[in-house]
Amino acid sequence: MGMTQDVVELSEQETAEGMTLVYHAFAQSPQMPVLMDKPYHTASVLQSLVELYADNGTIKTFGIKDQGRLVCVGLCVDSDAKPSLRKTLTFAHGILRTLGVRGMHQFWVYHRHKPRYEKRCLELMLYATTSEDQQKGYGRAMLEFLYEYAHAHRYGGVTGVTNTSRPAFHFYMRDGWVVDAEFRVHGYRICWVRRNV
């Protein structure tokens, strides 16, 4: 891949296509321990997470295309975004119904350990490259774009959460991210990570 690939903000229709890419990637490599046991619930759980923030206008979905085909997607939200109580309760009810008490507890643990930053950050909620297009530089191009986007929009950095047993964690660490919070969920080491811009 040439590093001249453009990252663009996706239209609503392209975002739906991008979410299919994300669902597939996360089902193959779940970040949450509960979804490792129940990968068939990945799409509904991630869709619920997106809907939690969908109406407040803070979600941005970016993508990279190669010959018209979407190959990499990054879905971001402003770290200061606060879903309404109604949205939060709807999300919690859906997670409880889908993943049970264990799943609900894991989401609570992730949220409880989320760092508070003095300056708002661009939170990378979901990030994926098609399996056949990995190791081609698309992920790095997406991150470089997000660093520039965050800087241009006066964010203090780009943040995210990752399971240290997954390749994404090592990718972030090689790219200069730092661990802001670390905790364990059912034997897995989970980290909130950040890259200043």
N, C-alpha and C. Protein backbone atom coordinates (compact mmCIF):
# COMPACT_ATOMS: atom_id res chain seq x y z
N MET A 1 0.84 -1.19 0.00
CA MET A 1 0.00 0.00 0.00
C MET A 1 0.88 1.24 0.00
N GLY A 2 0.55 2.21 -0.84
CA GLY A 2 1.23 3.49 -0.78
C GLY A 2 0.71 4.29 0.38
N MET A 3 1.59 5.02 1.04
CA MET A 3 1.16 5.77 2.22
C MET A 3 0.41 7.04 1.84
N THR A 4 0.06 7.17 0.55
CA THR A 4 -0.73 8.32 0.12
C THR A 4 -2.23 8.05 0.25
N GLN A 5 -2.59 6.88 0.76
CA GLN A 5 -4.00 6.55 0.93
C GLN A 5 -4.68 7.61 1.80
N ASP A 6 -5.81 8.09 1.35
CA ASP A 6 -6.54 9.11 2.10
C ASP A 6 -7.47 8.46 3.11
N VAL A 7 -7.50 9.06 4.28
CA VAL A 7 -8.49 8.69 5.29
C VAL A 7 -9.60 9.71 5.17
N VAL A 8 -10.84 9.24 5.08
CA VAL A 8 -11.97 10.14 4.90
C VAL A 8 -13.03 9.86 5.95
N GLU A 9 -13.82 10.90 6.25
CA GLU A 9 -14.97 10.68 7.13
C GLU A 9 -16.03 9.96 6.31
N LEU A 10 -16.60 8.91 6.88
CA LEU A 10 -17.54 8.07 6.15
C LEU A 10 -18.96 8.62 6.21
N SER A 11 -19.67 8.44 5.11
CA SER A 11 -21.10 8.79 5.06
C SER A 11 -21.87 7.78 5.91
N GLU A 12 -23.16 8.02 6.10
CA GLU A 12 -23.98 7.12 6.89
C GLU A 12 -23.99 5.72 6.29
N GLN A 13 -24.13 5.64 4.97
CA GLN A 13 -24.16 4.33 4.30
C GLN A 13 -22.79 3.64 4.42
N GLU A 14 -21.72 4.40 4.24
CA GLU A 14 -20.38 3.83 4.36
C GLU A 14 -20.09 3.40 5.80
N THR A 15 -20.66 4.13 6.76
CA THR A 15 -20.48 3.76 8.16
C THR A 15 -21.10 2.41 8.44
N ALA A 16 -22.28 2.15 7.86
CA ALA A 16 -22.92 0.84 8.03
C ALA A 16 -22.01 -0.27 7.48
N GLU A 17 -21.40 -0.03 6.33
CA GLU A 17 -20.45 -0.97 5.74
C GLU A 17 -19.24 -1.14 6.65
N GLY A 18 -18.77 -0.02 7.20
CA GLY A 18 -17.63 -0.05 8.10
C GLY A 18 -17.91 -0.83 9.37
N MET A 19 -19.12 -0.73 9.88
CA MET A 19 -19.48 -1.46 11.09
C MET A 19 -19.47 -2.96 10.83
N THR A 20 -19.87 -3.38 9.63
CA THR A 20 -19.80 -4.80 9.29
C THR A 20 -18.35 -5.27 9.34
N LEU A 21 -17.44 -4.45 8.83
CA LEU A 21 -16.01 -4.76 8.89
C LEU A 21 -15.56 -4.89 10.36
N VAL A 22 -15.99 -3.95 11.19
CA VAL A 22 -15.61 -3.96 12.61
C VAL A 22 -16.17 -5.19 13.31
N TYR A 23 -17.45 -5.52 13.06
CA TYR A 23 -18.06 -6.69 13.71
C TYR A 23 -17.25 -7.94 13.40
N HIS A 24 -16.90 -8.10 12.14
CA HIS A 24 -16.16 -9.29 11.73
C HIS A 24 -14.80 -9.35 12.41
N ALA A 25 -14.10 -8.21 12.43
CA ALA A 25 -12.77 -8.16 13.05
C ALA A 25 -12.84 -8.46 14.54
N PHE A 26 -13.82 -7.88 15.24
CA PHE A 26 -13.92 -8.08 16.68
C PHE A 26 -14.40 -9.48 17.03
N ALA A 27 -15.21 -10.09 16.17
CA ALA A 27 -15.64 -11.46 16.41
C ALA A 27 -14.45 -12.41 16.30
N GLN A 28 -13.51 -12.09 15.40
CA GLN A 28 -12.31 -12.91 15.24
C GLN A 28 -11.30 -12.68 16.37
N SER A 29 -11.28 -11.47 16.91
CA SER A 29 -10.31 -11.12 17.94
C SER A 29 -10.96 -10.23 18.99
N PRO A 30 -11.81 -10.80 19.84
CA PRO A 30 -12.54 -9.99 20.83
C PRO A 30 -11.61 -9.28 21.81
N GLN A 31 -11.98 -8.07 22.18
CA GLN A 31 -11.21 -7.31 23.16
C GLN A 31 -11.73 -7.56 24.58
N MET A 32 -12.99 -7.94 24.70
CA MET A 32 -13.58 -8.16 26.02
C MET A 32 -13.63 -9.66 26.31
N PRO A 33 -13.19 -10.07 27.49
CA PRO A 33 -13.21 -11.49 27.81
C PRO A 33 -14.58 -12.16 27.63
N VAL A 34 -15.65 -11.49 27.99
CA VAL A 34 -16.96 -12.11 27.87
C VAL A 34 -17.31 -12.43 26.42
N LEU A 35 -16.82 -11.61 25.48
CA LEU A 35 -17.10 -11.87 24.06
C LEU A 35 -16.19 -12.96 23.49
N MET A 36 -15.14 -13.31 24.22
CA MET A 36 -14.32 -14.45 23.79
C MET A 36 -15.13 -15.74 23.94
N ASP A 37 -16.00 -15.76 24.95
CA ASP A 37 -16.86 -16.92 25.17
C ASP A 37 -18.13 -16.87 24.31
N LYS A 38 -18.52 -15.66 23.90
CA LYS A 38 -19.78 -15.49 23.16
C LYS A 38 -19.57 -14.60 21.94
N PRO A 39 -18.70 -14.99 21.00
CA PRO A 39 -18.39 -14.13 19.86
C PRO A 39 -19.61 -13.85 18.97
N TYR A 40 -20.62 -14.71 19.02
CA TYR A 40 -21.82 -14.51 18.22
C TYR A 40 -22.64 -13.30 18.68
N HIS A 41 -22.33 -12.74 19.85
CA HIS A 41 -23.01 -11.54 20.32
C HIS A 41 -22.25 -10.26 19.98
N THR A 42 -21.11 -10.38 19.31
CA THR A 42 -20.25 -9.22 19.05
C THR A 42 -20.99 -8.10 18.34
N ALA A 43 -21.68 -8.41 17.24
CA ALA A 43 -22.34 -7.36 16.46
C ALA A 43 -23.38 -6.61 17.29
N SER A 44 -24.21 -7.32 18.03
CA SER A 44 -25.26 -6.63 18.80
C SER A 44 -24.67 -5.80 19.93
N VAL A 45 -23.60 -6.28 20.55
CA VAL A 45 -22.98 -5.53 21.64
C VAL A 45 -22.32 -4.26 21.11
N LEU A 46 -21.57 -4.38 20.00
CA LEU A 46 -20.92 -3.20 19.45
C LEU A 46 -21.93 -2.20 18.91
N GLN A 47 -23.02 -2.68 18.31
CA GLN A 47 -24.07 -1.78 17.83
C GLN A 47 -24.70 -1.03 19.00
N SER A 48 -24.90 -1.72 20.11
CA SER A 48 -25.45 -1.06 21.31
C SER A 48 -24.50 0.01 21.83
N LEU A 49 -23.20 -0.27 21.76
CA LEU A 49 -22.21 0.71 22.21
C LEU A 49 -22.23 1.95 21.33
N VAL A 50 -22.35 1.76 20.03
CA VAL A 50 -22.43 2.90 19.12
C VAL A 50 -23.71 3.70 19.36
N GLU A 51 -24.82 3.01 19.54
CA GLU A 51 -26.11 3.69 19.77
C GLU A 51 -26.10 4.50 21.06
N LEU A 52 -25.27 4.11 22.01
CA LEU A 52 -25.16 4.83 23.27
C LEU A 52 -24.77 6.29 23.03
N TYR A 53 -23.94 6.53 21.99
CA TYR A 53 -23.45 7.88 21.70
C TYR A 53 -24.05 8.48 20.43
N ALA A 54 -24.85 7.72 19.71
CA ALA A 54 -25.26 8.10 18.36
C ALA A 54 -26.00 9.43 18.26
N ASP A 55 -26.82 9.76 19.20
CA ASP A 55 -27.67 10.94 19.06
C ASP A 55 -27.03 12.25 19.51
N ASN A 56 -25.87 12.18 20.16
CA ASN A 56 -25.32 13.45 20.65
C ASN A 56 -24.31 14.07 19.69
N GLY A 57 -24.15 13.48 18.51
CA GLY A 57 -23.35 14.10 17.46
C GLY A 57 -21.86 14.06 17.66
N THR A 58 -21.39 13.26 18.62
CA THR A 58 -19.95 13.25 18.87
C THR A 58 -19.22 12.11 18.16
N ILE A 59 -19.94 11.17 17.58
CA ILE A 59 -19.27 10.05 16.90
C ILE A 59 -18.79 10.49 15.53
N LYS A 60 -17.54 10.13 15.24
CA LYS A 60 -16.95 10.34 13.92
C LYS A 60 -16.43 9.00 13.44
N THR A 61 -16.76 8.63 12.22
CA THR A 61 -16.29 7.37 11.65
C THR A 61 -15.43 7.68 10.44
N PHE A 62 -14.20 7.18 10.47
CA PHE A 62 -13.25 7.42 9.40
C PHE A 62 -12.90 6.09 8.73
N GLY A 63 -12.54 6.17 7.45
CA GLY A 63 -12.20 4.94 6.74
C GLY A 63 -11.13 5.16 5.70
N ILE A 64 -10.53 4.05 5.31
CA ILE A 64 -9.57 4.03 4.20
C ILE A 64 -10.10 3.04 3.17
N LYS A 65 -10.13 3.47 1.92
CA LYS A 65 -10.56 2.59 0.84
C LYS A 65 -9.38 2.27 -0.07
N ASP A 66 -9.41 1.07 -0.60
CA ASP A 66 -8.43 0.67 -1.60
C ASP A 66 -9.20 0.15 -2.80
N GLN A 67 -9.08 0.85 -3.92
CA GLN A 67 -9.82 0.52 -5.14
C GLN A 67 -11.33 0.41 -4.87
N GLY A 68 -11.83 1.37 -4.09
CA GLY A 68 -13.26 1.45 -3.81
C GLY A 68 -13.75 0.54 -2.70
N ARG A 69 -12.86 -0.28 -2.17
CA ARG A 69 -13.24 -1.23 -1.11
C ARG A 69 -12.76 -0.72 0.24
N LEU A 70 -13.65 -0.68 1.22
CA LEU A 70 -13.29 -0.22 2.56
C LEU A 70 -12.41 -1.26 3.23
N VAL A 71 -11.21 -0.84 3.67
CA VAL A 71 -10.26 -1.80 4.23
C VAL A 71 -9.90 -1.50 5.69
N CYS A 72 -10.15 -0.28 6.16
CA CYS A 72 -9.80 0.08 7.53
C CYS A 72 -10.80 1.11 8.04
N VAL A 73 -11.21 0.95 9.30
CA VAL A 73 -12.22 1.83 9.90
C VAL A 73 -11.78 2.23 11.30
N GLY A 74 -11.97 3.49 11.64
CA GLY A 74 -11.76 3.99 12.98
C GLY A 74 -12.98 4.77 13.42
N LEU A 75 -13.59 4.36 14.51
CA LEU A 75 -14.78 5.03 15.03
C LEU A 75 -14.40 5.70 16.34
N CYS A 76 -14.58 7.02 16.39
CA CYS A 76 -14.12 7.82 17.53
C CYS A 76 -15.27 8.59 18.17
N VAL A 77 -15.06 8.95 19.43
CA VAL A 77 -16.01 9.77 20.16
C VAL A 77 -15.22 10.73 21.04
N ASP A 78 -15.78 11.89 21.28
CA ASP A 78 -15.17 12.86 22.19
C ASP A 78 -15.18 12.27 23.60
N SER A 79 -14.03 12.29 24.27
CA SER A 79 -13.94 11.68 25.61
C SER A 79 -14.84 12.37 26.63
N ASP A 80 -15.25 13.59 26.35
CA ASP A 80 -16.15 14.31 27.27
C ASP A 80 -17.62 14.00 27.01
N ALA A 81 -17.91 13.21 25.97
CA ALA A 81 -19.31 12.90 25.64
C ALA A 81 -19.95 12.10 26.77
N LYS A 82 -21.13 12.51 27.16
CA LYS A 82 -21.85 11.83 28.23
C LYS A 82 -23.23 11.43 27.71
N PRO A 83 -23.46 10.13 27.54
CA PRO A 83 -24.78 9.69 27.09
C PRO A 83 -25.85 10.06 28.12
N SER A 84 -27.07 10.21 27.65
CA SER A 84 -28.18 10.52 28.55
C SER A 84 -28.45 9.33 29.46
N LEU A 85 -29.16 9.59 30.56
CA LEU A 85 -29.51 8.52 31.49
C LEU A 85 -30.37 7.47 30.79
N ARG A 86 -31.30 7.91 29.96
CA ARG A 86 -32.17 6.97 29.23
C ARG A 86 -31.33 6.06 28.34
N LYS A 87 -30.38 6.64 27.60
CA LYS A 87 -29.52 5.85 26.72
C LYS A 87 -28.67 4.87 27.53
N THR A 88 -28.15 5.34 28.65
CA THR A 88 -27.30 4.49 29.49
C THR A 88 -28.10 3.31 30.04
N LEU A 89 -29.31 3.56 30.49
CA LEU A 89 -30.15 2.48 31.02
C LEU A 89 -30.55 1.49 29.93
N THR A 90 -30.85 2.01 28.74
CA THR A 90 -31.18 1.13 27.61
C THR A 90 -29.98 0.24 27.26
N PHE A 91 -28.80 0.84 27.24
CA PHE A 91 -27.58 0.09 26.95
C PHE A 91 -27.36 -0.99 28.02
N ALA A 92 -27.46 -0.61 29.28
CA ALA A 92 -27.23 -1.55 30.38
C ALA A 92 -28.22 -2.71 30.31
N HIS A 93 -29.48 -2.41 30.03
CA HIS A 93 -30.50 -3.46 29.93
C HIS A 93 -30.17 -4.42 28.79
N GLY A 94 -29.76 -3.86 27.65
CA GLY A 94 -29.41 -4.70 26.51
C GLY A 94 -28.21 -5.60 26.79
N ILE A 95 -27.19 -5.06 27.46
CA ILE A 95 -26.00 -5.85 27.79
C ILE A 95 -26.36 -6.94 28.79
N LEU A 96 -27.16 -6.60 29.77
CA LEU A 96 -27.57 -7.58 30.77
C LEU A 96 -28.35 -8.72 30.11
N ARG A 97 -29.24 -8.36 29.20
CA ARG A 97 -30.05 -9.37 28.50
C ARG A 97 -29.18 -10.24 27.59
N THR A 98 -28.19 -9.63 26.92
CA THR A 98 -27.38 -10.34 25.94
C THR A 98 -26.23 -11.12 26.59
N LEU A 99 -25.51 -10.48 27.51
CA LEU A 99 -24.29 -11.07 28.07
C LEU A 99 -24.40 -11.46 29.53
N GLY A 100 -25.54 -11.16 30.14
CA GLY A 100 -25.73 -11.55 31.53
C GLY A 100 -24.97 -10.67 32.51
N VAL A 101 -24.98 -11.09 33.77
CA VAL A 101 -24.37 -10.33 34.85
C VAL A 101 -22.86 -10.20 34.63
N ARG A 102 -22.22 -11.26 34.13
CA ARG A 102 -20.77 -11.21 33.89
C ARG A 102 -20.43 -10.12 32.87
N GLY A 103 -21.18 -10.06 31.79
CA GLY A 103 -20.93 -9.03 30.78
C GLY A 103 -21.17 -7.64 31.30
N MET A 104 -22.26 -7.48 32.06
CA MET A 104 -22.57 -6.17 32.64
C MET A 104 -21.44 -5.74 33.58
N HIS A 105 -20.95 -6.68 34.39
CA HIS A 105 -19.86 -6.37 35.31
C HIS A 105 -18.61 -5.94 34.56
N GLN A 106 -18.29 -6.60 33.44
CA GLN A 106 -17.10 -6.24 32.69
C GLN A 106 -17.20 -4.82 32.12
N PHE A 107 -18.36 -4.46 31.59
CA PHE A 107 -18.53 -3.08 31.10
C PHE A 107 -18.38 -2.08 32.24
N TRP A 108 -18.89 -2.41 33.39
CA TRP A 108 -18.78 -1.52 34.55
C TRP A 108 -17.31 -1.35 34.95
N VAL A 109 -16.55 -2.44 34.96
CA VAL A 109 -15.13 -2.38 35.32
C VAL A 109 -14.36 -1.52 34.32
N TYR A 110 -14.63 -1.71 33.01
CA TYR A 110 -13.97 -0.89 31.99
C TYR A 110 -14.26 0.59 32.25
N HIS A 111 -15.54 0.91 32.50
CA HIS A 111 -15.93 2.31 32.71
C HIS A 111 -15.33 2.87 34.01
N ARG A 112 -15.32 2.07 35.06
CA ARG A 112 -14.81 2.53 36.35
C ARG A 112 -13.34 2.91 36.28
N HIS A 113 -12.58 2.22 35.44
CA HIS A 113 -11.15 2.49 35.33
C HIS A 113 -10.80 3.49 34.24
N LYS A 114 -11.79 4.01 33.55
CA LYS A 114 -11.52 4.98 32.49
C LYS A 114 -10.91 6.24 33.09
N PRO A 115 -9.73 6.64 32.62
CA PRO A 115 -9.08 7.84 33.19
C PRO A 115 -9.87 9.12 32.89
N ARG A 116 -9.70 10.08 33.76
CA ARG A 116 -10.26 11.42 33.54
C ARG A 116 -9.09 12.31 33.14
N TYR A 117 -9.25 13.03 32.06
CA TYR A 117 -8.17 13.85 31.54
C TYR A 117 -8.48 15.32 31.74
N GLU A 118 -7.43 16.11 31.99
CA GLU A 118 -7.62 17.55 32.13
C GLU A 118 -8.09 18.16 30.83
N LYS A 119 -7.57 17.66 29.72
CA LYS A 119 -7.95 18.14 28.40
C LYS A 119 -8.68 17.02 27.67
N ARG A 120 -9.77 17.35 27.02
CA ARG A 120 -10.55 16.31 26.33
C ARG A 120 -9.69 15.60 25.30
N CYS A 121 -10.02 14.34 25.08
CA CYS A 121 -9.28 13.51 24.14
C CYS A 121 -10.22 12.93 23.09
N LEU A 122 -9.64 12.48 22.01
CA LEU A 122 -10.37 11.78 20.98
C LEU A 122 -10.27 10.30 21.33
N GLU A 123 -11.40 9.71 21.71
CA GLU A 123 -11.39 8.31 22.14
C GLU A 123 -11.65 7.39 20.95
N LEU A 124 -10.71 6.51 20.70
CA LEU A 124 -10.83 5.54 19.62
C LEU A 124 -11.63 4.36 20.17
N MET A 125 -12.93 4.37 19.88
CA MET A 125 -13.82 3.33 20.41
C MET A 125 -13.63 2.00 19.70
N LEU A 126 -13.64 2.04 18.37
CA LEU A 126 -13.54 0.83 17.56
C LEU A 126 -12.59 1.09 16.40
N TYR A 127 -11.77 0.10 16.11
CA TYR A 127 -10.71 0.30 15.13
C TYR A 127 -10.40 -1.07 14.52
N ALA A 128 -10.48 -1.18 13.20
CA ALA A 128 -10.28 -2.50 12.59
C ALA A 128 -9.81 -2.38 11.15
N THR A 129 -9.06 -3.37 10.74
CA THR A 129 -8.63 -3.54 9.35
C THR A 129 -9.08 -4.92 8.90
N THR A 130 -9.52 -5.05 7.67
CA THR A 130 -9.92 -6.37 7.17
C THR A 130 -8.75 -7.34 7.34
N SER A 131 -9.07 -8.60 7.64
CA SER A 131 -8.02 -9.58 7.92
C SER A 131 -7.05 -9.73 6.76
N GLU A 132 -7.57 -9.70 5.53
CA GLU A 132 -6.69 -9.88 4.36
C GLU A 132 -5.83 -8.65 4.06
N ASP A 133 -6.14 -7.52 4.72
CA ASP A 133 -5.39 -6.28 4.46
C ASP A 133 -4.52 -5.85 5.63
N GLN A 134 -4.34 -6.72 6.60
CA GLN A 134 -3.46 -6.38 7.72
C GLN A 134 -2.01 -6.49 7.29
N GLN A 135 -1.14 -5.82 8.03
CA GLN A 135 0.29 -5.78 7.74
C GLN A 135 0.61 -5.06 6.43
N LYS A 136 -0.28 -4.17 6.00
CA LYS A 136 -0.04 -3.41 4.77
C LYS A 136 0.08 -1.91 5.03
N GLY A 137 0.05 -1.51 6.30
CA GLY A 137 0.22 -0.10 6.63
C GLY A 137 -1.07 0.69 6.79
N TYR A 138 -2.22 0.06 6.58
CA TYR A 138 -3.49 0.79 6.71
C TYR A 138 -3.72 1.26 8.14
N GLY A 139 -3.48 0.37 9.11
CA GLY A 139 -3.69 0.73 10.51
C GLY A 139 -2.82 1.90 10.92
N ARG A 140 -1.57 1.87 10.51
CA ARG A 140 -0.67 2.98 10.84
C ARG A 140 -1.14 4.27 10.19
N ALA A 141 -1.60 4.18 8.92
CA ALA A 141 -2.10 5.38 8.23
C ALA A 141 -3.30 5.95 8.96
N MET A 142 -4.19 5.08 9.45
CA MET A 142 -5.36 5.54 10.20
C MET A 142 -4.92 6.24 11.48
N LEU A 143 -4.00 5.65 12.22
CA LEU A 143 -3.55 6.28 13.47
C LEU A 143 -2.88 7.62 13.20
N GLU A 144 -2.05 7.69 12.18
CA GLU A 144 -1.39 8.97 11.86
C GLU A 144 -2.43 10.03 11.54
N PHE A 145 -3.47 9.65 10.81
CA PHE A 145 -4.56 10.59 10.52
C PHE A 145 -5.23 11.05 11.81
N LEU A 146 -5.51 10.11 12.70
CA LEU A 146 -6.21 10.46 13.95
C LEU A 146 -5.36 11.38 14.83
N TYR A 147 -4.05 11.18 14.85
CA TYR A 147 -3.17 12.08 15.60
C TYR A 147 -3.28 13.50 15.04
N GLU A 148 -3.25 13.61 13.72
CA GLU A 148 -3.34 14.93 13.08
C GLU A 148 -4.72 15.54 13.28
N TYR A 149 -5.77 14.72 13.16
CA TYR A 149 -7.14 15.20 13.36
C TYR A 149 -7.30 15.72 14.79
N ALA A 150 -6.83 14.93 15.76
CA ALA A 150 -6.95 15.33 17.16
C ALA A 150 -6.21 16.64 17.42
N HIS A 151 -5.01 16.76 16.88
CA HIS A 151 -4.23 17.98 17.06
C HIS A 151 -4.96 19.18 16.44
N ALA A 152 -5.46 19.01 15.22
CA ALA A 152 -6.15 20.10 14.51
C ALA A 152 -7.42 20.53 15.23
N HIS A 153 -8.07 19.60 15.93
CA HIS A 153 -9.32 19.92 16.63
C HIS A 153 -9.11 20.17 18.12
N ARG A 154 -7.86 20.40 18.50
CA ARG A 154 -7.49 20.81 19.86
C ARG A 154 -7.79 19.78 20.94
N TYR A 155 -7.69 18.52 20.57
CA TYR A 155 -7.75 17.46 21.57
C TYR A 155 -6.37 17.33 22.19
N GLY A 156 -6.33 16.83 23.42
CA GLY A 156 -5.04 16.64 24.08
C GLY A 156 -4.33 15.37 23.64
N GLY A 157 -5.09 14.43 23.10
CA GLY A 157 -4.50 13.18 22.67
C GLY A 157 -5.56 12.25 22.12
N VAL A 158 -5.13 11.06 21.78
CA VAL A 158 -6.02 10.00 21.31
C VAL A 158 -5.95 8.90 22.36
N THR A 159 -7.09 8.38 22.79
CA THR A 159 -7.13 7.35 23.82
C THR A 159 -7.88 6.12 23.32
N GLY A 160 -7.73 5.04 24.05
CA GLY A 160 -8.47 3.82 23.74
C GLY A 160 -8.26 2.81 24.84
N VAL A 161 -8.96 1.70 24.73
CA VAL A 161 -8.81 0.61 25.70
C VAL A 161 -8.46 -0.64 24.92
N THR A 162 -7.55 -1.43 25.47
CA THR A 162 -7.10 -2.62 24.76
C THR A 162 -6.75 -3.75 25.73
N ASN A 163 -6.89 -4.94 25.23
CA ASN A 163 -6.54 -6.15 25.95
C ASN A 163 -5.08 -6.45 25.62
N THR A 164 -4.23 -6.58 26.63
CA THR A 164 -2.80 -6.75 26.38
C THR A 164 -2.46 -8.07 25.71
N SER A 165 -3.40 -9.00 25.67
CA SER A 165 -3.14 -10.27 25.00
C SER A 165 -3.38 -10.18 23.49
N ARG A 166 -3.81 -9.01 23.01
CA ARG A 166 -4.12 -8.83 21.60
C ARG A 166 -3.02 -8.04 20.90
N PRO A 167 -2.84 -8.26 19.59
CA PRO A 167 -1.78 -7.55 18.85
C PRO A 167 -1.92 -6.03 18.90
N ALA A 168 -3.13 -5.52 19.02
CA ALA A 168 -3.33 -4.07 19.04
C ALA A 168 -2.53 -3.41 20.16
N PHE A 169 -2.48 -4.04 21.32
CA PHE A 169 -1.75 -3.45 22.45
C PHE A 169 -0.29 -3.22 22.08
N HIS A 170 0.36 -4.21 21.51
CA HIS A 170 1.78 -4.10 21.16
C HIS A 170 1.98 -3.07 20.03
N PHE A 171 1.00 -3.00 19.14
CA PHE A 171 1.04 -2.02 18.05
C PHE A 171 1.03 -0.61 18.64
N TYR A 172 0.13 -0.37 19.60
CA TYR A 172 0.05 0.95 20.24
C TYR A 172 1.35 1.28 20.97
N MET A 173 1.88 0.32 21.71
CA MET A 173 3.09 0.58 22.49
C MET A 173 4.27 0.93 21.58
N ARG A 174 4.38 0.25 20.46
CA ARG A 174 5.46 0.57 19.52
C ARG A 174 5.28 1.95 18.90
N ASP A 175 4.04 2.45 18.92
CA ASP A 175 3.75 3.73 18.29
C ASP A 175 3.75 4.89 19.29
N GLY A 176 4.27 4.66 20.48
CA GLY A 176 4.44 5.75 21.43
C GLY A 176 3.28 6.02 22.38
N TRP A 177 2.33 5.09 22.47
CA TRP A 177 1.23 5.25 23.42
C TRP A 177 1.74 4.92 24.82
N VAL A 178 1.04 5.42 25.83
CA VAL A 178 1.38 5.10 27.22
C VAL A 178 0.15 4.51 27.90
N VAL A 179 0.40 3.72 28.94
CA VAL A 179 -0.69 3.12 29.71
C VAL A 179 -1.09 4.08 30.81
N ASP A 180 -2.36 4.49 30.82
CA ASP A 180 -2.86 5.40 31.85
C ASP A 180 -3.58 4.67 32.98
N ALA A 181 -4.13 3.51 32.70
CA ALA A 181 -4.83 2.73 33.73
C ALA A 181 -4.74 1.27 33.33
N GLU A 182 -4.54 0.42 34.32
CA GLU A 182 -4.42 -1.01 34.07
C GLU A 182 -5.27 -1.75 35.09
N PHE A 183 -5.99 -2.76 34.63
CA PHE A 183 -6.83 -3.54 35.53
C PHE A 183 -7.00 -4.94 34.96
N ARG A 184 -7.53 -5.83 35.76
CA ARG A 184 -7.72 -7.21 35.31
C ARG A 184 -9.21 -7.52 35.23
N VAL A 185 -9.56 -8.24 34.18
CA VAL A 185 -10.93 -8.71 34.00
C VAL A 185 -10.86 -10.19 33.65
N HIS A 186 -11.33 -11.02 34.58
CA HIS A 186 -11.36 -12.48 34.37
C HIS A 186 -10.03 -13.01 33.86
N GLY A 187 -8.94 -12.57 34.50
CA GLY A 187 -7.62 -13.08 34.18
C GLY A 187 -6.89 -12.35 33.06
N TYR A 188 -7.57 -11.44 32.38
CA TYR A 188 -6.93 -10.69 31.30
C TYR A 188 -6.49 -9.32 31.81
N ARG A 189 -5.34 -8.86 31.31
CA ARG A 189 -4.84 -7.53 31.65
C ARG A 189 -5.38 -6.55 30.60
N ILE A 190 -6.14 -5.57 31.06
CA ILE A 190 -6.76 -4.58 30.20
C ILE A 190 -6.15 -3.22 30.52
N CYS A 191 -5.92 -2.41 29.50
CA CYS A 191 -5.31 -1.10 29.72
C CYS A 191 -6.07 0.00 28.96
N TRP A 192 -6.23 1.14 29.61
CA TRP A 192 -6.58 2.37 28.93
C TRP A 192 -5.27 3.00 28.49
N VAL A 193 -5.14 3.29 27.23
CA VAL A 193 -3.89 3.81 26.68
C VAL A 193 -4.12 5.16 26.01
N ARG A 194 -3.02 5.93 25.85
CA ARG A 194 -3.14 7.29 25.30
C ARG A 194 -1.90 7.64 24.50
N ARG A 195 -2.12 8.40 23.45
CA ARG A 195 -1.02 8.99 22.68
C ARG A 195 -1.26 10.50 22.65
N ASN A 196 -0.35 11.27 23.23
CA ASN A 196 -0.48 12.73 23.20
C ASN A 196 -0.24 13.24 21.78
N VAL A 197 -0.88 14.36 21.47
CA VAL A 197 -0.70 14.96 20.13
C VAL A 197 -0.23 16.40 20.27
